[in-house]
Amino acid sequence: MLMPSIFGENLFDDFFDGFARPVRRSEGGAPVRNDLMKTDIRETETGFDLTIDLPGYNKEDVKAELKDGYLTISATRTSNKEEKDEKGHYIRRERYSGSCSRCFYVGEDVTEQDIKARFENGTLQLNVPKIEKKPEEPKTKLISID
């Protein structure tokens, strides 16, 4: 039997969630799914390689933003499927709208130009360089003597 995708992998996942483990909820009260935006982070000599799975999303749906040293990746998708029979009656009509986001601290010295990003086949790949903060040289402030 076909189940709507709003139930996840199994119809009873949401029903039995509270019995086996506590359910994380968003600010609006909806259950938070843990299977979205699975991320692999690999450290290299020069930086970090992030691979984020975004199945079903297009490049236009994904946004990367850097603010105050935090890299935020967000994805938004809207879908509308309609199926009608020969007489124009609805057999099935489904609508989906959803978004997800992840946030990573990359350091305040990293700029947008330093980060390289590529989206291919539902996978976002980011390369974030390691940038060490340069120590500030103490500035000598001279006082004028009259």
N, C-alpha and C. Protein backbone atom coordinates (compact mmCIF):
# COMPACT_ATOMS: atom_id res chain seq x y z
N MET A 1 0.84 -1.18 0.00
CA MET A 1 0.00 0.00 0.00
C MET A 1 0.88 1.24 0.00
N LEU A 2 0.54 2.20 -0.81
CA LEU A 2 1.33 3.44 -0.89
C LEU A 2 0.96 4.36 0.26
N MET A 3 1.97 4.91 0.88
CA MET A 3 1.77 5.85 1.98
C MET A 3 2.26 7.23 1.54
N PRO A 4 1.57 8.28 1.95
CA PRO A 4 2.07 9.62 1.63
C PRO A 4 3.44 9.85 2.24
N SER A 5 4.24 10.66 1.57
CA SER A 5 5.61 10.88 2.03
C SER A 5 5.68 11.69 3.31
N ILE A 6 4.58 12.29 3.74
CA ILE A 6 4.62 13.08 4.98
C ILE A 6 4.85 12.22 6.19
N PHE A 7 4.62 10.89 6.07
CA PHE A 7 4.80 10.00 7.19
C PHE A 7 6.23 9.52 7.34
N GLY A 8 7.11 9.85 6.43
CA GLY A 8 8.49 9.38 6.51
C GLY A 8 8.60 7.98 5.94
N GLU A 9 9.53 7.20 6.44
CA GLU A 9 9.78 5.87 5.91
C GLU A 9 8.68 4.89 6.32
N ASN A 10 8.10 5.07 7.48
CA ASN A 10 7.14 4.13 8.00
C ASN A 10 6.00 4.92 8.63
N LEU A 11 4.79 4.50 8.40
CA LEU A 11 3.62 5.19 8.93
C LEU A 11 3.66 5.31 10.45
N PHE A 12 4.23 4.31 11.12
CA PHE A 12 4.22 4.28 12.57
C PHE A 12 5.43 4.94 13.22
N ASP A 13 6.36 5.47 12.40
CA ASP A 13 7.53 6.13 12.97
C ASP A 13 7.14 7.26 13.92
N ASP A 14 6.27 8.15 13.45
CA ASP A 14 5.87 9.29 14.27
C ASP A 14 5.03 8.84 15.47
N PHE A 15 4.23 7.78 15.29
CA PHE A 15 3.35 7.31 16.35
C PHE A 15 4.14 6.74 17.53
N PHE A 16 5.15 5.93 17.23
CA PHE A 16 5.91 5.27 18.28
C PHE A 16 7.15 6.05 18.70
N ASP A 17 7.40 7.21 18.11
CA ASP A 17 8.59 7.99 18.43
C ASP A 17 8.71 8.30 19.91
N GLY A 18 7.64 8.71 20.54
CA GLY A 18 7.70 9.12 21.93
C GLY A 18 7.95 7.98 22.90
N PHE A 19 7.63 6.74 22.51
CA PHE A 19 7.82 5.59 23.39
C PHE A 19 9.28 5.18 23.48
N ALA A 20 9.99 5.22 22.35
CA ALA A 20 11.37 4.73 22.32
C ALA A 20 12.37 5.81 22.66
N ARG A 21 12.11 7.03 22.26
CA ARG A 21 13.05 8.13 22.47
C ARG A 21 12.28 9.44 22.47
N PRO A 22 12.80 10.45 23.09
CA PRO A 22 12.09 11.73 23.09
C PRO A 22 12.08 12.32 21.68
N VAL A 23 11.00 12.97 21.34
CA VAL A 23 10.84 13.57 20.02
C VAL A 23 11.31 15.02 20.09
N ARG A 24 12.26 15.38 19.22
CA ARG A 24 12.67 16.78 19.13
C ARG A 24 11.62 17.53 18.34
N ARG A 25 11.30 18.72 18.79
CA ARG A 25 10.28 19.50 18.10
C ARG A 25 10.82 20.89 17.76
N SER A 26 10.32 21.43 16.66
CA SER A 26 10.71 22.78 16.25
C SER A 26 9.94 23.78 17.10
N GLU A 27 10.20 25.06 16.87
CA GLU A 27 9.51 26.09 17.64
C GLU A 27 8.01 26.06 17.41
N GLY A 28 7.59 25.63 16.19
CA GLY A 28 6.18 25.54 15.88
C GLY A 28 5.51 24.29 16.42
N GLY A 29 6.30 23.35 16.99
CA GLY A 29 5.75 22.15 17.57
C GLY A 29 5.82 20.93 16.66
N ALA A 30 6.25 21.10 15.41
CA ALA A 30 6.34 19.98 14.49
C ALA A 30 7.55 19.13 14.82
N PRO A 31 7.47 17.80 14.60
CA PRO A 31 8.63 16.94 14.86
C PRO A 31 9.79 17.30 13.94
N VAL A 32 10.99 17.25 14.46
CA VAL A 32 12.18 17.56 13.68
C VAL A 32 12.73 16.26 13.12
N ARG A 33 12.94 16.23 11.79
CA ARG A 33 13.47 15.03 11.14
C ARG A 33 14.99 15.07 11.19
N ASN A 34 15.60 13.92 11.48
CA ASN A 34 17.05 13.83 11.57
C ASN A 34 17.70 13.34 10.29
N ASP A 35 16.89 12.98 9.28
CA ASP A 35 17.46 12.40 8.07
C ASP A 35 17.68 13.43 6.97
N LEU A 36 17.44 14.70 7.23
CA LEU A 36 17.65 15.73 6.23
C LEU A 36 19.04 16.35 6.40
N MET A 37 19.65 16.68 5.30
CA MET A 37 20.94 17.37 5.27
C MET A 37 22.03 16.60 6.02
N LYS A 38 22.13 15.31 5.77
CA LYS A 38 23.21 14.54 6.38
C LYS A 38 24.53 15.10 5.86
N THR A 39 25.46 15.33 6.76
CA THR A 39 26.70 16.04 6.42
C THR A 39 27.91 15.22 6.82
N ASP A 40 28.86 15.14 5.90
CA ASP A 40 30.17 14.55 6.19
C ASP A 40 31.19 15.68 6.17
N ILE A 41 32.03 15.75 7.20
CA ILE A 41 33.07 16.78 7.28
C ILE A 41 34.41 16.09 7.34
N ARG A 42 35.28 16.46 6.41
CA ARG A 42 36.61 15.86 6.35
C ARG A 42 37.63 16.98 6.48
N GLU A 43 38.58 16.81 7.41
CA GLU A 43 39.63 17.81 7.60
C GLU A 43 40.81 17.47 6.70
N THR A 44 41.31 18.48 6.00
CA THR A 44 42.51 18.34 5.18
C THR A 44 43.58 19.25 5.75
N GLU A 45 44.76 19.26 5.13
CA GLU A 45 45.83 20.13 5.61
C GLU A 45 45.47 21.60 5.45
N THR A 46 44.72 21.93 4.40
CA THR A 46 44.43 23.33 4.11
C THR A 46 43.06 23.80 4.56
N GLY A 47 42.16 22.87 4.92
CA GLY A 47 40.83 23.30 5.30
C GLY A 47 39.91 22.14 5.63
N PHE A 48 38.63 22.35 5.38
CA PHE A 48 37.61 21.36 5.66
C PHE A 48 36.76 21.15 4.41
N ASP A 49 36.45 19.90 4.09
CA ASP A 49 35.57 19.56 2.99
C ASP A 49 34.25 19.08 3.58
N LEU A 50 33.16 19.76 3.23
CA LEU A 50 31.83 19.39 3.70
C LEU A 50 31.05 18.80 2.53
N THR A 51 30.42 17.67 2.75
CA THR A 51 29.54 17.06 1.77
C THR A 51 28.17 16.93 2.41
N ILE A 52 27.19 17.63 1.84
CA ILE A 52 25.85 17.68 2.41
C ILE A 52 24.88 17.04 1.43
N ASP A 53 24.15 16.02 1.88
CA ASP A 53 23.16 15.35 1.04
C ASP A 53 21.87 16.15 1.04
N LEU A 54 21.41 16.50 -0.16
CA LEU A 54 20.15 17.21 -0.33
C LEU A 54 19.33 16.54 -1.44
N PRO A 55 18.88 15.31 -1.22
CA PRO A 55 18.15 14.61 -2.28
C PRO A 55 16.83 15.29 -2.59
N GLY A 56 16.51 15.42 -3.86
CA GLY A 56 15.26 16.02 -4.28
C GLY A 56 15.32 17.53 -4.44
N TYR A 57 16.42 18.15 -4.04
CA TYR A 57 16.56 19.60 -4.18
C TYR A 57 17.33 19.94 -5.44
N ASN A 58 17.02 21.09 -6.02
CA ASN A 58 17.75 21.61 -7.16
C ASN A 58 18.72 22.69 -6.69
N LYS A 59 19.65 23.04 -7.55
CA LYS A 59 20.64 24.07 -7.22
C LYS A 59 19.95 25.39 -6.84
N GLU A 60 18.85 25.70 -7.50
CA GLU A 60 18.13 26.95 -7.24
C GLU A 60 17.46 26.95 -5.86
N ASP A 61 17.25 25.77 -5.29
CA ASP A 61 16.58 25.65 -3.99
C ASP A 61 17.54 25.85 -2.81
N VAL A 62 18.84 25.83 -3.08
CA VAL A 62 19.85 25.84 -2.01
C VAL A 62 20.49 27.22 -1.90
N LYS A 63 20.68 27.66 -0.65
CA LYS A 63 21.31 28.96 -0.40
C LYS A 63 22.38 28.79 0.68
N ALA A 64 23.54 29.40 0.46
CA ALA A 64 24.62 29.39 1.45
C ALA A 64 24.90 30.83 1.85
N GLU A 65 24.96 31.08 3.15
CA GLU A 65 25.15 32.44 3.66
C GLU A 65 26.22 32.43 4.75
N LEU A 66 27.07 33.42 4.73
CA LEU A 66 28.12 33.57 5.74
C LEU A 66 27.87 34.87 6.49
N LYS A 67 27.72 34.75 7.81
CA LYS A 67 27.47 35.94 8.63
C LYS A 67 28.08 35.74 10.00
N ASP A 68 28.90 36.67 10.43
CA ASP A 68 29.52 36.65 11.76
C ASP A 68 30.27 35.35 12.05
N GLY A 69 30.91 34.78 11.03
CA GLY A 69 31.69 33.57 11.22
C GLY A 69 30.88 32.28 11.14
N TYR A 70 29.58 32.37 10.91
CA TYR A 70 28.72 31.19 10.81
C TYR A 70 28.28 30.99 9.36
N LEU A 71 28.50 29.78 8.86
CA LEU A 71 28.07 29.40 7.53
C LEU A 71 26.73 28.68 7.66
N THR A 72 25.70 29.25 7.06
CA THR A 72 24.36 28.67 7.13
C THR A 72 23.97 28.17 5.75
N ILE A 73 23.63 26.89 5.67
CA ILE A 73 23.15 26.29 4.44
C ILE A 73 21.66 26.03 4.62
N SER A 74 20.85 26.56 3.71
CA SER A 74 19.41 26.33 3.81
C SER A 74 18.88 25.89 2.45
N ALA A 75 17.84 25.09 2.49
CA ALA A 75 17.22 24.58 1.26
C ALA A 75 15.71 24.65 1.44
N THR A 76 15.03 25.12 0.40
CA THR A 76 13.58 25.26 0.43
C THR A 76 13.02 24.64 -0.84
N ARG A 77 11.94 23.89 -0.67
CA ARG A 77 11.34 23.23 -1.83
C ARG A 77 9.83 23.26 -1.73
N THR A 78 9.18 23.50 -2.86
CA THR A 78 7.73 23.47 -2.94
C THR A 78 7.35 22.57 -4.10
N SER A 79 6.39 21.70 -3.87
CA SER A 79 5.97 20.75 -4.89
C SER A 79 4.46 20.70 -4.92
N ASN A 80 3.90 20.56 -6.12
CA ASN A 80 2.46 20.47 -6.28
C ASN A 80 2.18 19.41 -7.33
N LYS A 81 1.55 18.29 -6.94
CA LYS A 81 1.24 17.21 -7.88
C LYS A 81 -0.27 17.07 -7.97
N GLU A 82 -0.78 17.08 -9.18
CA GLU A 82 -2.20 16.89 -9.40
C GLU A 82 -2.40 15.79 -10.43
N GLU A 83 -3.32 14.89 -10.16
CA GLU A 83 -3.69 13.85 -11.11
C GLU A 83 -5.20 13.87 -11.22
N LYS A 84 -5.70 13.91 -12.46
CA LYS A 84 -7.14 13.91 -12.71
C LYS A 84 -7.50 12.77 -13.64
N ASP A 85 -8.74 12.31 -13.51
CA ASP A 85 -9.19 11.29 -14.44
C ASP A 85 -9.71 11.96 -15.72
N GLU A 86 -10.32 11.18 -16.62
CA GLU A 86 -10.76 11.72 -17.91
C GLU A 86 -11.83 12.80 -17.75
N LYS A 87 -12.62 12.75 -16.69
CA LYS A 87 -13.70 13.71 -16.48
C LYS A 87 -13.23 14.95 -15.74
N GLY A 88 -11.98 14.99 -15.34
CA GLY A 88 -11.46 16.16 -14.64
C GLY A 88 -11.59 16.08 -13.14
N HIS A 89 -12.03 14.94 -12.60
CA HIS A 89 -12.13 14.77 -11.15
C HIS A 89 -10.76 14.43 -10.60
N TYR A 90 -10.51 14.90 -9.41
CA TYR A 90 -9.22 14.62 -8.78
C TYR A 90 -9.15 13.17 -8.32
N ILE A 91 -8.08 12.52 -8.67
CA ILE A 91 -7.76 11.20 -8.14
C ILE A 91 -6.82 11.38 -6.96
N ARG A 92 -5.87 12.28 -7.15
CA ARG A 92 -4.90 12.58 -6.10
C ARG A 92 -4.47 14.03 -6.27
N ARG A 93 -4.30 14.72 -5.17
CA ARG A 93 -3.83 16.10 -5.20
C ARG A 93 -2.96 16.29 -3.97
N GLU A 94 -1.65 16.45 -4.18
CA GLU A 94 -0.72 16.59 -3.07
C GLU A 94 0.06 17.89 -3.20
N ARG A 95 0.31 18.51 -2.06
CA ARG A 95 1.13 19.71 -2.00
C ARG A 95 2.17 19.52 -0.91
N TYR A 96 3.35 19.98 -1.19
CA TYR A 96 4.42 19.88 -0.21
C TYR A 96 5.21 21.17 -0.23
N SER A 97 5.50 21.67 0.93
CA SER A 97 6.37 22.83 1.06
C SER A 97 7.21 22.61 2.31
N GLY A 98 8.51 22.72 2.15
CA GLY A 98 9.36 22.48 3.31
C GLY A 98 10.70 23.14 3.17
N SER A 99 11.36 23.27 4.29
CA SER A 99 12.70 23.85 4.27
C SER A 99 13.51 23.21 5.39
N CYS A 100 14.82 23.27 5.21
CA CYS A 100 15.73 22.76 6.23
C CYS A 100 17.00 23.60 6.19
N SER A 101 17.73 23.61 7.28
CA SER A 101 18.97 24.39 7.31
C SER A 101 19.94 23.79 8.33
N ARG A 102 21.21 24.05 8.10
CA ARG A 102 22.28 23.65 9.01
C ARG A 102 23.21 24.84 9.15
N CYS A 103 23.84 24.95 10.30
CA CYS A 103 24.73 26.07 10.58
C CYS A 103 26.05 25.53 11.11
N PHE A 104 27.18 26.09 10.60
CA PHE A 104 28.51 25.66 11.01
C PHE A 104 29.34 26.90 11.33
N TYR A 105 30.09 26.85 12.42
CA TYR A 105 31.00 27.94 12.73
C TYR A 105 32.31 27.70 11.97
N VAL A 106 32.68 28.67 11.11
CA VAL A 106 33.88 28.53 10.30
C VAL A 106 34.95 29.56 10.67
N GLY A 107 34.65 30.47 11.53
CA GLY A 107 35.61 31.49 11.95
C GLY A 107 35.29 32.84 11.34
N GLU A 108 35.60 33.89 12.06
CA GLU A 108 35.25 35.23 11.60
C GLU A 108 36.20 35.76 10.55
N ASP A 109 37.35 35.10 10.35
CA ASP A 109 38.30 35.57 9.35
C ASP A 109 38.04 34.99 7.96
N VAL A 110 37.14 34.03 7.85
CA VAL A 110 36.79 33.45 6.56
C VAL A 110 35.81 34.37 5.85
N THR A 111 36.04 34.62 4.55
CA THR A 111 35.16 35.46 3.76
C THR A 111 34.41 34.61 2.73
N GLU A 112 33.41 35.21 2.09
CA GLU A 112 32.63 34.52 1.07
C GLU A 112 33.51 34.06 -0.09
N GLN A 113 34.52 34.85 -0.42
CA GLN A 113 35.41 34.52 -1.53
C GLN A 113 36.30 33.31 -1.21
N ASP A 114 36.54 33.03 0.04
CA ASP A 114 37.39 31.91 0.44
C ASP A 114 36.70 30.56 0.29
N ILE A 115 35.38 30.54 0.41
CA ILE A 115 34.62 29.29 0.39
C ILE A 115 34.26 28.92 -1.05
N LYS A 116 34.55 27.68 -1.43
CA LYS A 116 34.21 27.17 -2.76
C LYS A 116 33.06 26.19 -2.60
N ALA A 117 32.03 26.33 -3.44
CA ALA A 117 30.85 25.48 -3.35
C ALA A 117 30.48 24.93 -4.72
N ARG A 118 29.98 23.67 -4.71
CA ARG A 118 29.54 23.04 -5.95
C ARG A 118 28.35 22.13 -5.61
N PHE A 119 27.29 22.22 -6.44
CA PHE A 119 26.11 21.39 -6.24
C PHE A 119 25.95 20.47 -7.44
N GLU A 120 25.89 19.16 -7.16
CA GLU A 120 25.80 18.19 -8.25
C GLU A 120 25.07 16.94 -7.76
N ASN A 121 24.05 16.52 -8.52
CA ASN A 121 23.31 15.29 -8.24
C ASN A 121 22.77 15.22 -6.81
N GLY A 122 22.22 16.32 -6.31
CA GLY A 122 21.63 16.31 -4.97
C GLY A 122 22.63 16.37 -3.84
N THR A 123 23.88 16.69 -4.16
CA THR A 123 24.92 16.78 -3.13
C THR A 123 25.61 18.13 -3.23
N LEU A 124 25.69 18.82 -2.10
CA LEU A 124 26.40 20.10 -2.03
C LEU A 124 27.77 19.84 -1.44
N GLN A 125 28.80 20.26 -2.16
CA GLN A 125 30.18 20.10 -1.68
C GLN A 125 30.77 21.48 -1.44
N LEU A 126 31.29 21.67 -0.24
CA LEU A 126 31.89 22.95 0.16
C LEU A 126 33.32 22.72 0.59
N ASN A 127 34.18 23.67 0.25
CA ASN A 127 35.55 23.65 0.71
C ASN A 127 35.78 24.93 1.49
N VAL A 128 36.04 24.78 2.78
CA VAL A 128 36.26 25.92 3.66
C VAL A 128 37.72 25.89 4.10
N PRO A 129 38.49 26.92 3.75
CA PRO A 129 39.92 26.91 4.12
C PRO A 129 40.11 27.22 5.60
N LYS A 130 41.24 26.73 6.11
CA LYS A 130 41.65 27.09 7.47
C LYS A 130 42.37 28.43 7.38
N ILE A 131 41.87 29.38 8.08
CA ILE A 131 42.52 30.69 8.10
C ILE A 131 42.83 31.01 9.55
N GLU A 132 44.12 31.10 9.82
CA GLU A 132 44.54 31.40 11.18
C GLU A 132 44.48 32.90 11.39
N LYS A 133 44.00 33.28 12.53
CA LYS A 133 43.91 34.69 12.86
C LYS A 133 45.30 35.24 13.07
N LYS A 134 45.61 36.29 12.35
CA LYS A 134 46.92 36.92 12.48
C LYS A 134 46.93 37.78 13.73
N PRO A 135 47.95 37.61 14.55
CA PRO A 135 48.00 38.44 15.75
C PRO A 135 48.21 39.91 15.37
N GLU A 136 47.46 40.74 16.04
CA GLU A 136 47.58 42.17 15.77
C GLU A 136 48.85 42.70 16.43
N GLU A 137 49.53 43.52 15.68
CA GLU A 137 50.72 44.14 16.23
C GLU A 137 50.30 45.26 17.16
N PRO A 138 50.90 45.31 18.32
CA PRO A 138 50.52 46.39 19.23
C PRO A 138 50.90 47.74 18.63
N LYS A 139 49.93 48.61 18.60
CA LYS A 139 50.17 49.94 18.04
C LYS A 139 50.61 50.86 19.17
N THR A 140 51.72 51.53 18.94
CA THR A 140 52.21 52.48 19.92
C THR A 140 51.52 53.80 19.71
N LYS A 141 50.94 54.29 20.76
CA LYS A 141 50.26 55.57 20.68
C LYS A 141 51.14 56.60 21.37
N LEU A 142 51.57 57.54 20.58
CA LEU A 142 52.45 58.60 21.10
C LEU A 142 51.63 59.74 21.66
N ILE A 143 52.11 60.26 22.75
CA ILE A 143 51.48 61.42 23.37
C ILE A 143 52.33 62.63 23.06
N SER A 144 51.68 63.64 22.57
CA SER A 144 52.45 64.85 22.24
C SER A 144 52.80 65.58 23.53
N ILE A 145 54.04 66.06 23.57
CA ILE A 145 54.52 66.79 24.74
C ILE A 145 54.67 68.25 24.35
N ASP A 146 54.07 69.13 25.15
CA ASP A 146 54.16 70.58 24.88
C ASP A 146 55.37 71.17 25.54
